[in-house]
Amino acid sequence: MVKIAPSILSADFANLGKEIQALDKAGADMIHIDVMDGNFVPNLTFGAGVVKALRSYTKLPFDVHLMVKNPDIMIPWFAEAGADIITVHAEACKHLDKTLSTIREYGKKSGVSLNPSTDEACLKYVLDKLDLVLIMSVNPGFGGQSFIESQLKKISAVKQLCASKDIKIEVDGGINPMTAAECVAAGADILVAGTAVFSGGDYQKNINNLR
């Protein structure tokens, strides 16, 4: 069954602890935390201190997505703060193989994210160090954007590329019940959703609708 990873980018920032508890109770499979540095993307969100403060509110895996210019500096911070999965952007890593090795040295699952215009071929030589590929189906930086249909082909291509490995395919951006079905049909294992989960306040109903 597809896993649902609500993005707390769409949560009430003044009540993040309670929001995470509500998501846990509503049946979320993991918590997606978008870390933005105001440099790699034009937005600024959560630091490692916030992740550490939230860790005690749930036992669900923390899926930390580093949308930052210098991920190598930050990996130790978020590993020690309680991240379970750390995903970096291929576009931000000068030495992707080394960066993924560092994540695993901290005992965390390693992921690579691809922006919509990035070719999946960059994954070919790091498959042995990957646990997850995160395909951005919007241009990263802000929630509430529309799904980019061309990314369905990329999902299928990445699924084929990873076919011989135990690598999960995650999709983030513009996910709703309609696009969720398309992504899963193309090969997605995990769906990141912000607006679709938090809209209206009935988190359990919204998560069930996505499933």
N, C-alpha and C. Protein backbone atom coordinates (compact mmCIF):
# COMPACT_ATOMS: atom_id res chain seq x y z
N MET A 1 0.85 -1.20 0.00
CA MET A 1 0.00 0.00 0.00
C MET A 1 0.88 1.24 0.00
N VAL A 2 0.45 2.23 -0.76
CA VAL A 2 1.20 3.49 -0.83
C VAL A 2 1.24 4.14 0.55
N LYS A 3 2.38 4.76 0.86
CA LYS A 3 2.53 5.45 2.13
C LYS A 3 2.28 6.95 1.93
N ILE A 4 1.66 7.55 2.94
CA ILE A 4 1.35 8.98 2.90
C ILE A 4 2.25 9.71 3.89
N ALA A 5 2.96 10.72 3.38
CA ALA A 5 3.89 11.52 4.19
C ALA A 5 3.42 12.97 4.19
N PRO A 6 2.58 13.37 5.14
CA PRO A 6 2.14 14.76 5.19
C PRO A 6 3.31 15.72 5.37
N SER A 7 3.28 16.81 4.62
CA SER A 7 4.31 17.84 4.73
C SER A 7 3.86 18.90 5.72
N ILE A 8 4.65 19.09 6.77
CA ILE A 8 4.27 20.08 7.77
C ILE A 8 4.49 21.52 7.29
N LEU A 9 4.92 21.66 6.04
CA LEU A 9 4.99 22.99 5.45
C LEU A 9 3.60 23.63 5.40
N SER A 10 2.56 22.78 5.37
CA SER A 10 1.18 23.28 5.33
C SER A 10 0.50 23.28 6.69
N ALA A 11 1.25 22.91 7.73
CA ALA A 11 0.68 22.84 9.08
C ALA A 11 0.63 24.22 9.73
N ASP A 12 -0.01 24.27 10.89
CA ASP A 12 -0.04 25.49 11.70
C ASP A 12 1.29 25.58 12.45
N PHE A 13 2.14 26.50 12.03
CA PHE A 13 3.48 26.60 12.62
C PHE A 13 3.45 26.92 14.11
N ALA A 14 2.39 27.53 14.58
CA ALA A 14 2.30 27.90 15.99
C ALA A 14 1.96 26.70 16.87
N ASN A 15 1.55 25.59 16.23
CA ASN A 15 1.14 24.40 16.99
C ASN A 15 1.68 23.13 16.35
N LEU A 16 2.94 23.13 15.99
CA LEU A 16 3.50 22.00 15.24
C LEU A 16 3.47 20.69 16.01
N GLY A 17 3.72 20.74 17.30
CA GLY A 17 3.69 19.52 18.09
C GLY A 17 2.32 18.86 18.04
N LYS A 18 1.28 19.65 18.29
CA LYS A 18 -0.08 19.13 18.25
C LYS A 18 -0.46 18.68 16.84
N GLU A 19 0.01 19.39 15.84
CA GLU A 19 -0.28 19.01 14.45
C GLU A 19 0.31 17.63 14.14
N ILE A 20 1.53 17.40 14.58
CA ILE A 20 2.17 16.11 14.34
C ILE A 20 1.44 14.99 15.07
N GLN A 21 1.00 15.23 16.28
CA GLN A 21 0.23 14.23 17.01
C GLN A 21 -1.08 13.93 16.29
N ALA A 22 -1.70 14.95 15.74
CA ALA A 22 -2.96 14.76 15.00
C ALA A 22 -2.73 13.94 13.73
N LEU A 23 -1.62 14.19 13.05
CA LEU A 23 -1.29 13.42 11.84
C LEU A 23 -1.03 11.96 12.17
N ASP A 24 -0.35 11.74 13.29
CA ASP A 24 -0.08 10.37 13.75
C ASP A 24 -1.40 9.65 14.00
N LYS A 25 -2.29 10.28 14.72
CA LYS A 25 -3.59 9.70 15.04
C LYS A 25 -4.43 9.48 13.78
N ALA A 26 -4.24 10.33 12.78
CA ALA A 26 -5.03 10.26 11.54
C ALA A 26 -4.55 9.17 10.58
N GLY A 27 -3.41 8.55 10.89
CA GLY A 27 -2.94 7.44 10.05
C GLY A 27 -1.81 7.76 9.10
N ALA A 28 -1.11 8.86 9.31
CA ALA A 28 0.05 9.16 8.47
C ALA A 28 1.12 8.08 8.67
N ASP A 29 1.92 7.85 7.63
CA ASP A 29 2.97 6.83 7.71
C ASP A 29 4.32 7.42 8.11
N MET A 30 4.52 8.68 7.81
CA MET A 30 5.75 9.39 8.18
C MET A 30 5.46 10.87 8.13
N ILE A 31 6.37 11.66 8.67
CA ILE A 31 6.23 13.12 8.67
C ILE A 31 7.30 13.71 7.76
N HIS A 32 6.86 14.45 6.74
CA HIS A 32 7.79 15.06 5.79
C HIS A 32 8.13 16.48 6.23
N ILE A 33 9.42 16.73 6.40
CA ILE A 33 9.88 18.03 6.91
C ILE A 33 10.74 18.70 5.84
N ASP A 34 10.21 19.76 5.26
CA ASP A 34 10.90 20.51 4.21
C ASP A 34 11.81 21.56 4.82
N VAL A 35 13.10 21.34 4.70
CA VAL A 35 14.09 22.28 5.23
C VAL A 35 14.57 23.17 4.09
N MET A 36 14.30 24.46 4.19
CA MET A 36 14.67 25.41 3.13
C MET A 36 15.57 26.50 3.72
N ASP A 37 16.58 26.88 2.94
CA ASP A 37 17.59 27.81 3.46
C ASP A 37 17.48 29.23 2.90
N GLY A 38 16.47 29.51 2.07
CA GLY A 38 16.34 30.84 1.48
C GLY A 38 17.39 31.11 0.42
N ASN A 39 18.13 30.08 0.03
CA ASN A 39 19.21 30.22 -0.94
C ASN A 39 19.00 29.25 -2.10
N PHE A 40 19.01 27.96 -1.81
CA PHE A 40 18.74 26.97 -2.85
C PHE A 40 17.31 27.12 -3.38
N VAL A 41 16.40 27.45 -2.48
CA VAL A 41 15.02 27.78 -2.85
C VAL A 41 14.64 29.10 -2.18
N PRO A 42 13.67 29.84 -2.76
CA PRO A 42 13.32 31.17 -2.23
C PRO A 42 12.34 31.10 -1.06
N ASN A 43 12.71 30.36 -0.03
CA ASN A 43 11.87 30.29 1.16
C ASN A 43 12.75 29.86 2.33
N LEU A 44 12.29 30.09 3.54
CA LEU A 44 13.04 29.76 4.75
C LEU A 44 12.08 29.06 5.70
N THR A 45 12.49 27.84 6.17
CA THR A 45 11.54 27.09 7.00
C THR A 45 12.17 26.63 8.31
N PHE A 46 12.44 25.32 8.43
CA PHE A 46 12.77 24.73 9.71
C PHE A 46 14.26 24.46 9.88
N GLY A 47 14.75 24.67 11.09
CA GLY A 47 16.11 24.31 11.43
C GLY A 47 16.15 23.03 12.22
N ALA A 48 17.36 22.56 12.51
CA ALA A 48 17.52 21.31 13.26
C ALA A 48 16.92 21.41 14.66
N GLY A 49 16.95 22.59 15.24
CA GLY A 49 16.38 22.78 16.57
C GLY A 49 14.89 22.50 16.61
N VAL A 50 14.20 22.86 15.54
CA VAL A 50 12.76 22.59 15.46
C VAL A 50 12.52 21.09 15.35
N VAL A 51 13.31 20.43 14.52
CA VAL A 51 13.17 18.98 14.36
C VAL A 51 13.41 18.27 15.69
N LYS A 52 14.42 18.68 16.41
CA LYS A 52 14.72 18.08 17.72
C LYS A 52 13.57 18.30 18.69
N ALA A 53 12.99 19.48 18.67
CA ALA A 53 11.88 19.80 19.57
C ALA A 53 10.64 18.98 19.26
N LEU A 54 10.47 18.62 17.98
CA LEU A 54 9.28 17.88 17.57
C LEU A 54 9.42 16.37 17.73
N ARG A 55 10.65 15.91 17.89
CA ARG A 55 10.91 14.47 17.88
C ARG A 55 10.11 13.70 18.93
N SER A 56 9.88 14.30 20.08
CA SER A 56 9.19 13.60 21.16
C SER A 56 7.68 13.47 20.96
N TYR A 57 7.14 14.12 19.93
CA TYR A 57 5.70 14.12 19.74
C TYR A 57 5.18 12.91 18.97
N THR A 58 6.05 12.13 18.37
CA THR A 58 5.62 10.97 17.60
C THR A 58 6.77 10.00 17.40
N LYS A 59 6.42 8.75 17.17
CA LYS A 59 7.42 7.75 16.81
C LYS A 59 7.46 7.51 15.31
N LEU A 60 6.62 8.22 14.56
CA LEU A 60 6.64 8.10 13.10
C LEU A 60 7.99 8.54 12.56
N PRO A 61 8.43 7.94 11.46
CA PRO A 61 9.70 8.36 10.86
C PRO A 61 9.66 9.82 10.43
N PHE A 62 10.75 10.54 10.67
CA PHE A 62 10.91 11.90 10.19
C PHE A 62 11.66 11.85 8.85
N ASP A 63 10.97 12.28 7.82
CA ASP A 63 11.47 12.28 6.44
C ASP A 63 11.94 13.71 6.14
N VAL A 64 13.23 13.96 6.34
CA VAL A 64 13.76 15.32 6.25
C VAL A 64 14.33 15.58 4.85
N HIS A 65 13.76 16.57 4.20
CA HIS A 65 14.10 16.93 2.82
C HIS A 65 14.91 18.23 2.84
N LEU A 66 16.22 18.12 2.59
CA LEU A 66 17.11 19.29 2.64
C LEU A 66 17.12 20.01 1.30
N MET A 67 16.35 21.08 1.21
CA MET A 67 16.37 21.95 0.03
C MET A 67 17.30 23.11 0.34
N VAL A 68 18.59 22.78 0.37
CA VAL A 68 19.61 23.72 0.84
C VAL A 68 20.82 23.69 -0.09
N LYS A 69 21.58 24.78 -0.06
CA LYS A 69 22.73 24.90 -0.95
C LYS A 69 23.91 24.04 -0.49
N ASN A 70 24.09 23.91 0.82
CA ASN A 70 25.24 23.16 1.36
C ASN A 70 24.76 22.03 2.27
N PRO A 71 24.19 20.97 1.71
CA PRO A 71 23.63 19.90 2.55
C PRO A 71 24.67 19.18 3.41
N ASP A 72 25.91 19.10 2.95
CA ASP A 72 26.93 18.37 3.71
C ASP A 72 27.14 18.95 5.10
N ILE A 73 27.02 20.27 5.22
CA ILE A 73 27.18 20.91 6.52
C ILE A 73 26.04 20.52 7.47
N MET A 74 24.86 20.37 6.91
CA MET A 74 23.66 20.21 7.72
C MET A 74 23.33 18.75 8.07
N ILE A 75 23.87 17.80 7.34
CA ILE A 75 23.54 16.39 7.59
C ILE A 75 23.75 16.01 9.05
N PRO A 76 24.91 16.33 9.66
CA PRO A 76 25.09 15.98 11.08
C PRO A 76 24.04 16.62 11.99
N TRP A 77 23.67 17.86 11.70
CA TRP A 77 22.70 18.55 12.54
C TRP A 77 21.38 17.80 12.59
N PHE A 78 20.87 17.43 11.41
CA PHE A 78 19.55 16.81 11.35
C PHE A 78 19.59 15.34 11.74
N ALA A 79 20.72 14.69 11.50
CA ALA A 79 20.87 13.31 11.96
C ALA A 79 20.78 13.26 13.48
N GLU A 80 21.47 14.18 14.13
CA GLU A 80 21.48 14.22 15.60
C GLU A 80 20.17 14.75 16.18
N ALA A 81 19.40 15.49 15.36
CA ALA A 81 18.13 16.05 15.83
C ALA A 81 17.00 15.03 15.80
N GLY A 82 17.21 13.90 15.08
CA GLY A 82 16.18 12.87 15.08
C GLY A 82 15.61 12.50 13.73
N ALA A 83 16.23 12.93 12.65
CA ALA A 83 15.77 12.52 11.32
C ALA A 83 15.98 11.02 11.13
N ASP A 84 15.07 10.39 10.41
CA ASP A 84 15.21 8.97 10.06
C ASP A 84 15.65 8.80 8.61
N ILE A 85 15.16 9.68 7.76
CA ILE A 85 15.53 9.72 6.35
C ILE A 85 16.04 11.13 6.06
N ILE A 86 17.17 11.22 5.39
CA ILE A 86 17.69 12.53 4.98
C ILE A 86 17.86 12.52 3.47
N THR A 87 17.16 13.44 2.83
CA THR A 87 17.19 13.53 1.37
C THR A 87 17.84 14.83 0.95
N VAL A 88 18.78 14.71 0.02
CA VAL A 88 19.49 15.88 -0.51
C VAL A 88 19.16 16.05 -1.98
N HIS A 89 19.38 17.23 -2.49
CA HIS A 89 19.14 17.48 -3.91
C HIS A 89 20.39 17.19 -4.73
N ALA A 90 20.19 16.44 -5.80
CA ALA A 90 21.31 16.15 -6.70
C ALA A 90 21.94 17.45 -7.20
N GLU A 91 21.12 18.45 -7.42
CA GLU A 91 21.60 19.72 -7.97
C GLU A 91 22.50 20.49 -7.00
N ALA A 92 22.40 20.15 -5.70
CA ALA A 92 23.16 20.88 -4.68
C ALA A 92 24.43 20.17 -4.25
N CYS A 93 24.65 18.96 -4.74
CA CYS A 93 25.78 18.15 -4.26
C CYS A 93 26.91 18.08 -5.29
N LYS A 94 28.08 18.57 -4.91
CA LYS A 94 29.25 18.47 -5.79
C LYS A 94 29.75 17.03 -5.86
N HIS A 95 29.64 16.32 -4.74
CA HIS A 95 30.11 14.93 -4.66
C HIS A 95 28.99 14.09 -4.07
N LEU A 96 28.03 13.76 -4.90
CA LEU A 96 26.81 13.10 -4.43
C LEU A 96 27.11 11.76 -3.75
N ASP A 97 28.01 10.98 -4.30
CA ASP A 97 28.36 9.69 -3.72
C ASP A 97 28.85 9.87 -2.27
N LYS A 98 29.71 10.84 -2.07
CA LYS A 98 30.25 11.11 -0.74
C LYS A 98 29.16 11.58 0.22
N THR A 99 28.29 12.43 -0.26
CA THR A 99 27.21 12.95 0.58
C THR A 99 26.30 11.82 1.06
N LEU A 100 25.95 10.92 0.15
CA LEU A 100 25.09 9.80 0.52
C LEU A 100 25.79 8.87 1.52
N SER A 101 27.08 8.70 1.34
CA SER A 101 27.85 7.88 2.28
C SER A 101 27.82 8.49 3.67
N THR A 102 27.91 9.81 3.74
CA THR A 102 27.87 10.50 5.03
C THR A 102 26.55 10.27 5.74
N ILE A 103 25.44 10.36 4.99
CA ILE A 103 24.12 10.13 5.59
C ILE A 103 24.06 8.74 6.21
N ARG A 104 24.54 7.75 5.49
CA ARG A 104 24.49 6.37 6.00
C ARG A 104 25.46 6.15 7.16
N GLU A 105 26.54 6.88 7.17
CA GLU A 105 27.47 6.77 8.30
C GLU A 105 26.81 7.21 9.61
N TYR A 106 25.82 8.07 9.51
CA TYR A 106 25.07 8.50 10.69
C TYR A 106 23.91 7.55 11.01
N GLY A 107 23.81 6.46 10.27
CA GLY A 107 22.79 5.46 10.53
C GLY A 107 21.41 5.83 10.00
N LYS A 108 21.37 6.74 9.04
CA LYS A 108 20.10 7.20 8.49
C LYS A 108 19.89 6.66 7.08
N LYS A 109 18.64 6.61 6.65
CA LYS A 109 18.35 6.25 5.27
C LYS A 109 18.65 7.45 4.38
N SER A 110 19.18 7.16 3.20
CA SER A 110 19.65 8.23 2.32
C SER A 110 18.73 8.39 1.11
N GLY A 111 18.47 9.64 0.76
CA GLY A 111 17.63 9.93 -0.38
C GLY A 111 18.22 11.00 -1.27
N VAL A 112 17.82 10.96 -2.55
CA VAL A 112 18.19 12.01 -3.50
C VAL A 112 16.91 12.57 -4.10
N SER A 113 16.83 13.88 -4.15
CA SER A 113 15.69 14.54 -4.77
C SER A 113 16.09 15.14 -6.11
N LEU A 114 15.16 15.09 -7.06
CA LEU A 114 15.38 15.64 -8.40
C LEU A 114 14.35 16.72 -8.70
N ASN A 115 14.83 17.90 -9.06
CA ASN A 115 13.94 18.96 -9.52
C ASN A 115 13.29 18.55 -10.85
N PRO A 116 12.19 19.20 -11.23
CA PRO A 116 11.48 18.79 -12.45
C PRO A 116 12.34 18.74 -13.71
N SER A 117 13.33 19.62 -13.83
CA SER A 117 14.15 19.65 -15.05
C SER A 117 15.39 18.76 -14.98
N THR A 118 15.58 18.07 -13.86
CA THR A 118 16.79 17.25 -13.68
C THR A 118 16.58 15.84 -14.22
N ASP A 119 17.53 15.39 -15.03
CA ASP A 119 17.46 14.06 -15.62
C ASP A 119 17.78 13.00 -14.58
N GLU A 120 17.03 11.91 -14.60
CA GLU A 120 17.25 10.82 -13.64
C GLU A 120 18.55 10.07 -13.86
N ALA A 121 19.23 10.32 -14.98
CA ALA A 121 20.49 9.63 -15.27
C ALA A 121 21.55 9.89 -14.20
N CYS A 122 21.42 10.99 -13.46
CA CYS A 122 22.41 11.31 -12.43
C CYS A 122 22.40 10.31 -11.27
N LEU A 123 21.36 9.48 -11.23
CA LEU A 123 21.25 8.48 -10.15
C LEU A 123 22.01 7.20 -10.47
N LYS A 124 22.36 7.00 -11.71
CA LYS A 124 22.84 5.71 -12.20
C LYS A 124 24.00 5.15 -11.39
N TYR A 125 24.93 6.01 -11.01
CA TYR A 125 26.15 5.52 -10.35
C TYR A 125 26.12 5.63 -8.82
N VAL A 126 24.95 5.94 -8.26
CA VAL A 126 24.85 5.99 -6.79
C VAL A 126 23.73 5.10 -6.25
N LEU A 127 23.22 4.22 -7.08
CA LEU A 127 22.09 3.38 -6.69
C LEU A 127 22.40 2.53 -5.46
N ASP A 128 23.64 2.09 -5.33
CA ASP A 128 24.00 1.24 -4.19
C ASP A 128 23.99 1.99 -2.86
N LYS A 129 23.91 3.32 -2.92
CA LYS A 129 23.92 4.12 -1.69
C LYS A 129 22.59 4.84 -1.46
N LEU A 130 21.57 4.38 -2.18
CA LEU A 130 20.26 5.05 -2.11
C LEU A 130 19.21 4.16 -1.44
N ASP A 131 18.39 4.79 -0.61
CA ASP A 131 17.21 4.14 -0.05
C ASP A 131 15.93 4.74 -0.63
N LEU A 132 16.05 5.95 -1.17
CA LEU A 132 14.86 6.67 -1.62
C LEU A 132 15.21 7.66 -2.72
N VAL A 133 14.33 7.81 -3.70
CA VAL A 133 14.43 8.88 -4.69
C VAL A 133 13.17 9.72 -4.58
N LEU A 134 13.35 11.02 -4.36
CA LEU A 134 12.23 11.96 -4.24
C LEU A 134 12.13 12.77 -5.53
N ILE A 135 11.03 12.57 -6.22
CA ILE A 135 10.80 13.28 -7.48
C ILE A 135 9.91 14.49 -7.20
N MET A 136 10.45 15.67 -7.49
CA MET A 136 9.68 16.90 -7.31
C MET A 136 8.75 17.09 -8.51
N SER A 137 7.45 17.11 -8.23
CA SER A 137 6.47 17.31 -9.29
C SER A 137 5.96 18.75 -9.31
N VAL A 138 6.68 19.62 -8.60
CA VAL A 138 6.54 21.08 -8.70
C VAL A 138 7.95 21.64 -8.55
N ASN A 139 8.12 22.90 -8.86
CA ASN A 139 9.40 23.54 -8.60
C ASN A 139 9.46 23.87 -7.11
N PRO A 140 10.48 23.40 -6.41
CA PRO A 140 10.49 23.48 -4.94
C PRO A 140 10.57 24.90 -4.40
N GLY A 141 9.99 25.06 -3.22
CA GLY A 141 10.07 26.35 -2.54
C GLY A 141 8.80 26.71 -1.80
N PHE A 142 7.64 26.39 -2.40
CA PHE A 142 6.37 26.78 -1.79
C PHE A 142 5.33 25.69 -1.97
N GLY A 143 4.41 25.59 -1.02
CA GLY A 143 3.32 24.64 -1.12
C GLY A 143 2.20 25.18 -1.99
N GLY A 144 1.24 24.30 -2.31
CA GLY A 144 0.05 24.73 -3.04
C GLY A 144 0.20 24.86 -4.53
N GLN A 145 1.30 24.37 -5.11
CA GLN A 145 1.50 24.48 -6.55
C GLN A 145 0.81 23.35 -7.31
N SER A 146 0.65 23.55 -8.61
CA SER A 146 0.00 22.55 -9.46
C SER A 146 1.00 21.49 -9.93
N PHE A 147 0.53 20.27 -10.03
CA PHE A 147 1.32 19.12 -10.44
C PHE A 147 1.82 19.29 -11.88
N ILE A 148 3.11 18.98 -12.10
CA ILE A 148 3.70 19.05 -13.44
C ILE A 148 3.59 17.67 -14.08
N GLU A 149 2.74 17.53 -15.07
CA GLU A 149 2.39 16.23 -15.65
C GLU A 149 3.59 15.48 -16.23
N SER A 150 4.59 16.21 -16.71
CA SER A 150 5.75 15.56 -17.32
C SER A 150 6.50 14.67 -16.34
N GLN A 151 6.28 14.90 -15.05
CA GLN A 151 7.02 14.11 -14.05
C GLN A 151 6.51 12.68 -13.93
N LEU A 152 5.35 12.38 -14.49
CA LEU A 152 4.87 11.01 -14.49
C LEU A 152 5.82 10.09 -15.27
N LYS A 153 6.34 10.60 -16.38
CA LYS A 153 7.31 9.83 -17.16
C LYS A 153 8.59 9.61 -16.36
N LYS A 154 8.97 10.62 -15.58
CA LYS A 154 10.18 10.48 -14.76
C LYS A 154 9.98 9.44 -13.66
N ILE A 155 8.80 9.44 -13.06
CA ILE A 155 8.51 8.43 -12.04
C ILE A 155 8.70 7.03 -12.61
N SER A 156 8.14 6.81 -13.78
CA SER A 156 8.26 5.50 -14.42
C SER A 156 9.70 5.17 -14.76
N ALA A 157 10.44 6.18 -15.24
CA ALA A 157 11.84 5.97 -15.61
C ALA A 157 12.69 5.64 -14.38
N VAL A 158 12.44 6.33 -13.27
CA VAL A 158 13.19 6.08 -12.04
C VAL A 158 12.83 4.70 -11.48
N LYS A 159 11.56 4.35 -11.55
CA LYS A 159 11.13 3.04 -11.08
C LYS A 159 11.85 1.93 -11.83
N GLN A 160 11.98 2.10 -13.14
CA GLN A 160 12.69 1.12 -13.96
C GLN A 160 14.17 1.09 -13.62
N LEU A 161 14.76 2.26 -13.42
CA LEU A 161 16.18 2.37 -13.10
C LEU A 161 16.49 1.66 -11.78
N CYS A 162 15.55 1.73 -10.85
CA CYS A 162 15.76 1.18 -9.50
C CYS A 162 15.17 -0.23 -9.33
N ALA A 163 14.74 -0.82 -10.41
CA ALA A 163 13.98 -2.07 -10.34
C ALA A 163 14.69 -3.19 -9.60
N SER A 164 16.00 -3.24 -9.69
CA SER A 164 16.76 -4.33 -9.07
C SER A 164 17.19 -4.00 -7.63
N LYS A 165 16.80 -2.83 -7.15
CA LYS A 165 17.22 -2.38 -5.82
C LYS A 165 16.00 -2.15 -4.92
N ASP A 166 16.23 -2.16 -3.63
CA ASP A 166 15.17 -1.85 -2.67
C ASP A 166 15.19 -0.35 -2.40
N ILE A 167 14.75 0.41 -3.40
CA ILE A 167 14.74 1.87 -3.34
C ILE A 167 13.31 2.35 -3.49
N LYS A 168 12.84 3.16 -2.54
CA LYS A 168 11.48 3.67 -2.59
C LYS A 168 11.41 4.92 -3.47
N ILE A 169 10.29 5.05 -4.18
CA ILE A 169 10.06 6.21 -5.04
C ILE A 169 9.03 7.11 -4.36
N GLU A 170 9.45 8.34 -4.06
CA GLU A 170 8.59 9.31 -3.38
C GLU A 170 8.31 10.47 -4.33
N VAL A 171 7.10 11.00 -4.27
CA VAL A 171 6.71 12.12 -5.14
C VAL A 171 6.16 13.25 -4.27
N ASP A 172 6.58 14.47 -4.59
CA ASP A 172 6.22 15.63 -3.78
C ASP A 172 5.84 16.80 -4.67
N GLY A 173 4.61 17.29 -4.49
CA GLY A 173 4.18 18.50 -5.19
C GLY A 173 2.88 18.32 -5.95
N GLY A 174 1.86 19.08 -5.56
CA GLY A 174 0.58 19.02 -6.28
C GLY A 174 -0.15 17.71 -6.13
N ILE A 175 0.08 17.00 -5.01
CA ILE A 175 -0.56 15.70 -4.81
C ILE A 175 -1.98 15.89 -4.28
N ASN A 176 -2.94 15.29 -4.98
CA ASN A 176 -4.34 15.24 -4.56
C ASN A 176 -4.86 13.87 -4.97
N PRO A 177 -6.11 13.51 -4.65
CA PRO A 177 -6.56 12.16 -4.99
C PRO A 177 -6.40 11.79 -6.46
N MET A 178 -6.56 12.73 -7.37
CA MET A 178 -6.42 12.42 -8.79
C MET A 178 -4.95 12.20 -9.17
N THR A 179 -4.07 13.13 -8.79
CA THR A 179 -2.66 12.98 -9.14
C THR A 179 -2.01 11.85 -8.35
N ALA A 180 -2.54 11.57 -7.16
CA ALA A 180 -2.02 10.46 -6.37
C ALA A 180 -2.17 9.16 -7.14
N ALA A 181 -3.35 8.95 -7.71
CA ALA A 181 -3.61 7.73 -8.48
C ALA A 181 -2.66 7.62 -9.67
N GLU A 182 -2.41 8.75 -10.34
CA GLU A 182 -1.51 8.74 -11.49
C GLU A 182 -0.08 8.41 -11.08
N CYS A 183 0.35 8.97 -9.94
CA CYS A 183 1.71 8.73 -9.46
C CYS A 183 1.91 7.27 -9.07
N VAL A 184 0.94 6.72 -8.37
CA VAL A 184 1.05 5.32 -7.95
C VAL A 184 1.06 4.40 -9.17
N ALA A 185 0.23 4.72 -10.15
CA ALA A 185 0.21 3.92 -11.38
C ALA A 185 1.55 3.97 -12.10
N ALA A 186 2.25 5.11 -11.96
CA ALA A 186 3.55 5.27 -12.61
C ALA A 186 4.68 4.61 -11.83
N GLY A 187 4.42 4.29 -10.53
CA GLY A 187 5.44 3.59 -9.75
C GLY A 187 5.77 4.19 -8.40
N ALA A 188 5.04 5.19 -7.96
CA ALA A 188 5.34 5.83 -6.68
C ALA A 188 4.99 4.91 -5.50
N ASP A 189 5.84 4.95 -4.48
CA ASP A 189 5.62 4.19 -3.24
C ASP A 189 5.18 5.08 -2.09
N ILE A 190 5.62 6.35 -2.12
CA ILE A 190 5.34 7.31 -1.04
C ILE A 190 4.85 8.61 -1.67
N LEU A 191 3.80 9.18 -1.11
CA LEU A 191 3.27 10.45 -1.59
C LEU A 191 3.38 11.51 -0.50
N VAL A 192 4.03 12.60 -0.83
CA VAL A 192 4.11 13.75 0.07
C VAL A 192 2.95 14.68 -0.27
N ALA A 193 2.19 15.05 0.74
CA ALA A 193 1.05 15.94 0.50
C ALA A 193 0.94 16.95 1.62
N GLY A 194 0.74 18.20 1.25
CA GLY A 194 0.56 19.26 2.22
C GLY A 194 -0.87 19.75 2.22
N THR A 195 -1.22 20.54 1.23
CA THR A 195 -2.56 21.11 1.13
C THR A 195 -3.64 20.04 1.16
N ALA A 196 -3.42 18.94 0.45
CA ALA A 196 -4.44 17.88 0.35
C ALA A 196 -4.70 17.21 1.68
N VAL A 197 -3.73 17.21 2.59
CA VAL A 197 -3.91 16.61 3.91
C VAL A 197 -4.53 17.61 4.89
N PHE A 198 -4.07 18.85 4.87
CA PHE A 198 -4.46 19.82 5.89
C PHE A 198 -5.74 20.59 5.56
N SER A 199 -6.14 20.59 4.29
CA SER A 199 -7.32 21.35 3.87
C SER A 199 -8.59 20.86 4.59
N GLY A 200 -9.31 21.78 5.22
CA GLY A 200 -10.57 21.44 5.86
C GLY A 200 -10.44 20.93 7.28
N GLY A 201 -9.24 20.48 7.66
CA GLY A 201 -9.01 20.07 9.04
C GLY A 201 -9.29 18.62 9.38
N ASP A 202 -9.91 17.85 8.48
CA ASP A 202 -10.17 16.43 8.76
C ASP A 202 -9.03 15.61 8.17
N TYR A 203 -7.94 15.49 8.93
CA TYR A 203 -6.73 14.87 8.41
C TYR A 203 -6.93 13.39 8.08
N GLN A 204 -7.69 12.68 8.90
CA GLN A 204 -7.90 11.26 8.64
C GLN A 204 -8.66 11.04 7.34
N LYS A 205 -9.71 11.80 7.14
CA LYS A 205 -10.48 11.69 5.90
C LYS A 205 -9.62 12.02 4.69
N ASN A 206 -8.82 13.07 4.80
CA ASN A 206 -7.98 13.48 3.67
C ASN A 206 -6.91 12.43 3.35
N ILE A 207 -6.31 11.85 4.38
CA ILE A 207 -5.32 10.80 4.15
C ILE A 207 -5.97 9.58 3.53
N ASN A 208 -7.15 9.21 4.00
CA ASN A 208 -7.86 8.08 3.43
C ASN A 208 -8.24 8.33 1.97
N ASN A 209 -8.61 9.56 1.66
CA ASN A 209 -8.95 9.91 0.27
C ASN A 209 -7.74 9.76 -0.64
N LEU A 210 -6.56 10.13 -0.14
CA LEU A 210 -5.34 9.97 -0.93
C LEU A 210 -5.04 8.49 -1.17
N ARG A 211 -5.24 7.67 -0.15
CA ARG A 211 -5.00 6.23 -0.30
C ARG A 211 -5.94 5.63 -1.35
